[in-house]
N, C-alpha and C. Protein backbone atom coordinates (compact mmCIF):
# COMPACT_ATOMS: atom_id res chain seq x y z
N MET A 1 -4.95 6.09 8.06
CA MET A 1 -5.03 7.43 7.50
C MET A 1 -5.99 7.37 6.30
N ASN A 2 -6.84 8.34 6.19
CA ASN A 2 -7.83 8.40 5.12
C ASN A 2 -7.34 9.29 4.00
N THR A 3 -7.97 9.13 2.86
CA THR A 3 -7.71 10.04 1.76
C THR A 3 -8.98 10.80 1.47
N ILE A 4 -8.87 11.83 0.68
CA ILE A 4 -10.02 12.69 0.42
C ILE A 4 -11.18 11.89 -0.17
N GLY A 5 -10.92 10.94 -1.03
CA GLY A 5 -11.97 10.18 -1.68
C GLY A 5 -12.76 9.29 -0.74
N THR A 6 -12.25 9.01 0.45
CA THR A 6 -12.96 8.11 1.35
C THR A 6 -14.05 8.80 2.14
N TYR A 7 -14.23 10.08 1.97
CA TYR A 7 -15.23 10.81 2.74
C TYR A 7 -16.59 10.85 2.04
N LEU A 8 -16.69 10.28 0.87
CA LEU A 8 -17.96 10.24 0.18
C LEU A 8 -18.87 9.24 0.88
N PRO A 9 -20.13 9.60 1.08
CA PRO A 9 -21.03 8.67 1.76
C PRO A 9 -21.32 7.46 0.87
N PRO A 10 -21.56 6.29 1.47
CA PRO A 10 -21.85 5.10 0.66
C PRO A 10 -23.19 5.24 -0.04
N VAL A 11 -23.27 4.62 -1.21
CA VAL A 11 -24.50 4.65 -1.98
C VAL A 11 -25.28 3.40 -1.65
N ASN A 12 -26.48 3.59 -1.10
CA ASN A 12 -27.34 2.47 -0.73
C ASN A 12 -28.51 2.41 -1.68
N PRO A 13 -28.83 1.23 -2.17
CA PRO A 13 -29.99 1.12 -3.06
C PRO A 13 -31.27 1.44 -2.27
N VAL A 14 -32.18 2.13 -2.94
CA VAL A 14 -33.43 2.53 -2.31
C VAL A 14 -34.52 1.60 -2.80
N GLU A 15 -35.21 1.00 -1.84
CA GLU A 15 -36.29 0.11 -2.21
C GLU A 15 -37.53 0.92 -2.55
N GLU A 16 -38.42 0.31 -3.32
CA GLU A 16 -39.63 1.00 -3.75
C GLU A 16 -40.48 1.38 -2.54
N GLY A 17 -40.94 2.62 -2.53
CA GLY A 17 -41.75 3.12 -1.44
C GLY A 17 -40.94 3.73 -0.32
N GLN A 18 -39.64 3.62 -0.40
CA GLN A 18 -38.78 4.16 0.64
C GLN A 18 -38.26 5.53 0.20
N SER A 19 -38.28 6.50 1.10
CA SER A 19 -37.84 7.85 0.76
C SER A 19 -36.32 7.92 0.82
N SER A 20 -35.71 8.57 -0.18
CA SER A 20 -34.26 8.68 -0.21
C SER A 20 -33.81 10.12 0.00
N ARG A 21 -34.70 10.98 0.39
CA ARG A 21 -34.38 12.41 0.54
C ARG A 21 -33.84 12.70 1.93
N LEU A 22 -32.83 13.55 1.94
CA LEU A 22 -32.31 14.08 3.20
C LEU A 22 -32.93 15.43 3.43
N THR A 23 -33.08 15.78 4.67
CA THR A 23 -33.54 17.13 4.96
C THR A 23 -32.38 18.09 4.68
N PRO A 24 -32.67 19.36 4.42
CA PRO A 24 -31.57 20.30 4.16
C PRO A 24 -30.56 20.37 5.31
N SER A 25 -31.02 20.28 6.54
CA SER A 25 -30.07 20.35 7.66
C SER A 25 -29.19 19.10 7.71
N GLN A 26 -29.75 17.92 7.37
CA GLN A 26 -28.95 16.71 7.33
C GLN A 26 -27.90 16.79 6.22
N ALA A 27 -28.31 17.28 5.06
CA ALA A 27 -27.38 17.41 3.94
C ALA A 27 -26.27 18.40 4.28
N GLN A 28 -26.63 19.51 4.91
CA GLN A 28 -25.64 20.51 5.29
C GLN A 28 -24.67 19.93 6.32
N SER A 29 -25.21 19.20 7.28
CA SER A 29 -24.37 18.59 8.31
C SER A 29 -23.42 17.55 7.70
N ASN A 30 -23.94 16.71 6.80
CA ASN A 30 -23.10 15.71 6.14
C ASN A 30 -22.00 16.37 5.32
N PHE A 31 -22.36 17.40 4.57
CA PHE A 31 -21.38 18.08 3.73
C PHE A 31 -20.32 18.77 4.58
N SER A 32 -20.74 19.45 5.64
CA SER A 32 -19.77 20.17 6.46
C SER A 32 -18.83 19.21 7.18
N SER A 33 -19.34 18.09 7.65
CA SER A 33 -18.46 17.14 8.33
C SER A 33 -17.51 16.48 7.33
N MET A 34 -17.99 16.19 6.12
CA MET A 34 -17.12 15.62 5.09
C MET A 34 -16.02 16.60 4.72
N LEU A 35 -16.37 17.86 4.56
CA LEU A 35 -15.39 18.88 4.20
C LEU A 35 -14.38 19.09 5.33
N LYS A 36 -14.87 19.12 6.56
CA LYS A 36 -13.98 19.29 7.71
C LYS A 36 -13.00 18.12 7.82
N ASN A 37 -13.48 16.91 7.64
CA ASN A 37 -12.60 15.73 7.71
C ASN A 37 -11.56 15.75 6.60
N ALA A 38 -11.95 16.15 5.41
CA ALA A 38 -11.01 16.19 4.29
C ALA A 38 -9.92 17.24 4.53
N ILE A 39 -10.29 18.40 5.05
CA ILE A 39 -9.31 19.45 5.32
C ILE A 39 -8.38 19.04 6.46
N GLU A 40 -8.93 18.40 7.49
CA GLU A 40 -8.09 17.93 8.59
C GLU A 40 -7.10 16.87 8.12
N ASP A 41 -7.55 15.98 7.24
CA ASP A 41 -6.66 14.94 6.71
C ASP A 41 -5.57 15.56 5.85
N LEU A 42 -5.93 16.53 5.03
CA LEU A 42 -4.95 17.23 4.21
C LEU A 42 -3.90 17.90 5.09
N ASN A 43 -4.34 18.55 6.15
CA ASN A 43 -3.43 19.20 7.08
C ASN A 43 -2.52 18.18 7.76
N HIS A 44 -3.09 17.04 8.17
CA HIS A 44 -2.30 16.00 8.82
C HIS A 44 -1.21 15.47 7.88
N ILE A 45 -1.55 15.25 6.64
CA ILE A 45 -0.57 14.75 5.67
C ILE A 45 0.54 15.78 5.45
N GLN A 46 0.19 17.06 5.36
CA GLN A 46 1.19 18.11 5.19
C GLN A 46 2.12 18.19 6.41
N LEU A 47 1.55 18.11 7.61
CA LEU A 47 2.36 18.16 8.83
C LEU A 47 3.29 16.95 8.94
N GLU A 48 2.79 15.78 8.56
CA GLU A 48 3.62 14.57 8.58
C GLU A 48 4.80 14.72 7.63
N SER A 49 4.54 15.27 6.45
CA SER A 49 5.62 15.49 5.49
C SER A 49 6.64 16.48 6.02
N ASP A 50 6.17 17.56 6.64
CA ASP A 50 7.08 18.55 7.23
C ASP A 50 7.94 17.93 8.32
N ASN A 51 7.32 17.13 9.18
CA ASN A 51 8.06 16.50 10.28
C ASN A 51 9.14 15.55 9.75
N LYS A 52 8.80 14.76 8.74
CA LYS A 52 9.79 13.83 8.19
C LYS A 52 10.90 14.57 7.46
N THR A 53 10.56 15.65 6.77
CA THR A 53 11.59 16.44 6.09
C THR A 53 12.53 17.08 7.11
N ASN A 54 11.97 17.63 8.18
CA ASN A 54 12.80 18.20 9.24
C ASN A 54 13.65 17.13 9.91
N GLY A 55 13.09 15.96 10.12
CA GLY A 55 13.83 14.86 10.71
C GLY A 55 14.98 14.42 9.83
N LEU A 56 14.79 14.42 8.52
CA LEU A 56 15.86 14.08 7.60
C LEU A 56 16.96 15.13 7.65
N ALA A 57 16.58 16.40 7.72
CA ALA A 57 17.56 17.48 7.79
C ALA A 57 18.34 17.44 9.10
N ASN A 58 17.69 17.02 10.19
CA ASN A 58 18.34 16.94 11.49
C ASN A 58 19.16 15.67 11.67
N GLY A 59 18.93 14.68 10.81
CA GLY A 59 19.65 13.42 10.92
C GLY A 59 18.93 12.37 11.75
N SER A 60 17.74 12.67 12.24
CA SER A 60 17.01 11.68 13.05
C SER A 60 16.25 10.68 12.18
N VAL A 61 16.02 11.00 10.93
CA VAL A 61 15.37 10.07 9.99
C VAL A 61 16.39 9.70 8.94
N GLU A 62 16.60 8.39 8.75
CA GLU A 62 17.61 7.93 7.82
C GLU A 62 17.03 7.40 6.51
N ASN A 63 15.74 7.13 6.48
CA ASN A 63 15.13 6.53 5.31
C ASN A 63 14.67 7.63 4.34
N LEU A 64 15.50 7.94 3.36
CA LEU A 64 15.18 8.98 2.38
C LEU A 64 13.96 8.61 1.56
N HIS A 65 13.81 7.32 1.24
CA HIS A 65 12.67 6.90 0.42
C HIS A 65 11.36 7.20 1.11
N ASP A 66 11.30 6.94 2.41
CA ASP A 66 10.07 7.20 3.17
C ASP A 66 9.74 8.69 3.17
N VAL A 67 10.77 9.52 3.32
CA VAL A 67 10.57 10.98 3.32
C VAL A 67 10.07 11.44 1.96
N MET A 68 10.65 10.93 0.89
CA MET A 68 10.25 11.33 -0.45
C MET A 68 8.84 10.85 -0.78
N ILE A 69 8.49 9.65 -0.35
CA ILE A 69 7.14 9.15 -0.60
C ILE A 69 6.12 9.99 0.15
N THR A 70 6.43 10.34 1.39
CA THR A 70 5.53 11.18 2.18
C THR A 70 5.38 12.56 1.56
N ALA A 71 6.49 13.13 1.08
CA ALA A 71 6.43 14.45 0.44
C ALA A 71 5.61 14.40 -0.85
N GLN A 72 5.77 13.33 -1.63
CA GLN A 72 4.99 13.21 -2.87
C GLN A 72 3.51 13.01 -2.56
N LYS A 73 3.22 12.23 -1.53
CA LYS A 73 1.83 12.02 -1.12
C LYS A 73 1.20 13.34 -0.70
N ALA A 74 1.94 14.15 0.04
CA ALA A 74 1.44 15.46 0.46
C ALA A 74 1.21 16.36 -0.74
N SER A 75 2.11 16.31 -1.70
CA SER A 75 1.98 17.13 -2.90
C SER A 75 0.75 16.73 -3.72
N VAL A 76 0.56 15.45 -3.91
CA VAL A 76 -0.60 14.97 -4.68
C VAL A 76 -1.90 15.30 -3.95
N THR A 77 -1.91 15.13 -2.64
CA THR A 77 -3.12 15.43 -1.86
C THR A 77 -3.46 16.91 -1.93
N LEU A 78 -2.45 17.76 -1.82
CA LEU A 78 -2.69 19.20 -1.91
C LEU A 78 -3.19 19.58 -3.30
N GLU A 79 -2.59 19.03 -4.33
CA GLU A 79 -3.02 19.33 -5.70
C GLU A 79 -4.46 18.87 -5.92
N THR A 80 -4.82 17.72 -5.38
CA THR A 80 -6.19 17.24 -5.49
C THR A 80 -7.16 18.18 -4.78
N GLY A 81 -6.77 18.65 -3.60
CA GLY A 81 -7.60 19.61 -2.87
C GLY A 81 -7.80 20.90 -3.64
N VAL A 82 -6.74 21.38 -4.28
CA VAL A 82 -6.84 22.61 -5.06
C VAL A 82 -7.75 22.40 -6.27
N GLN A 83 -7.65 21.25 -6.93
CA GLN A 83 -8.51 20.96 -8.07
C GLN A 83 -9.97 20.84 -7.66
N VAL A 84 -10.22 20.20 -6.52
CA VAL A 84 -11.60 20.08 -6.02
C VAL A 84 -12.15 21.47 -5.70
N GLN A 85 -11.33 22.30 -5.07
CA GLN A 85 -11.76 23.67 -4.77
C GLN A 85 -12.12 24.41 -6.05
N SER A 86 -11.31 24.27 -7.07
CA SER A 86 -11.57 24.94 -8.34
C SER A 86 -12.89 24.47 -8.95
N LYS A 87 -13.13 23.16 -8.91
CA LYS A 87 -14.38 22.62 -9.45
C LYS A 87 -15.60 23.08 -8.65
N VAL A 88 -15.46 23.18 -7.35
CA VAL A 88 -16.57 23.64 -6.51
C VAL A 88 -16.88 25.10 -6.82
N ILE A 89 -15.86 25.91 -6.98
CA ILE A 89 -16.07 27.33 -7.32
C ILE A 89 -16.72 27.46 -8.69
N ASP A 90 -16.27 26.65 -9.65
CA ASP A 90 -16.89 26.67 -10.98
C ASP A 90 -18.36 26.27 -10.91
N ALA A 91 -18.67 25.25 -10.13
CA ALA A 91 -20.06 24.81 -9.99
C ALA A 91 -20.91 25.88 -9.31
N TYR A 92 -20.36 26.52 -8.30
CA TYR A 92 -21.08 27.60 -7.61
C TYR A 92 -21.37 28.75 -8.58
N ASN A 93 -20.37 29.14 -9.35
CA ASN A 93 -20.57 30.23 -10.33
C ASN A 93 -21.61 29.85 -11.37
N GLU A 94 -21.62 28.60 -11.79
CA GLU A 94 -22.61 28.14 -12.76
C GLU A 94 -24.02 28.19 -12.16
N ILE A 95 -24.15 27.80 -10.91
CA ILE A 95 -25.45 27.85 -10.24
C ILE A 95 -25.92 29.30 -10.10
N MET A 96 -25.00 30.19 -9.79
CA MET A 96 -25.37 31.59 -9.63
C MET A 96 -25.80 32.23 -10.96
N ARG A 97 -25.33 31.70 -12.08
CA ARG A 97 -25.72 32.22 -13.39
C ARG A 97 -27.09 31.72 -13.85
N MET A 98 -27.59 30.69 -13.17
CA MET A 98 -28.88 30.12 -13.58
C MET A 98 -30.00 31.11 -13.29
N GLN A 99 -30.95 31.12 -14.20
CA GLN A 99 -32.13 31.95 -13.99
C GLN A 99 -33.22 31.11 -13.37
N VAL A 100 -33.91 31.69 -12.40
CA VAL A 100 -34.95 30.95 -11.71
C VAL A 100 -36.33 31.40 -12.11
């Protein structure tokens, strides 16, 4: 299982004379796939937490610690996603205020 932070592309050193620029379509594709993977992972973690909580309520899951750890992981992941969303919106608003 991945976490949101693992979707960042690796940083490769650029040798002299080598171009490090991505085309706009490549950058858009990379960003959209990274965002899609992060949202899917967040959803998967939330669903896993829901399933374990329901299993505990039904009596099919006996390990309370595992359920609590999964619920806390889901909570932290969701809070991180909300904070990232807030920062992205702030950055977008700042870019929109720039004069060209």
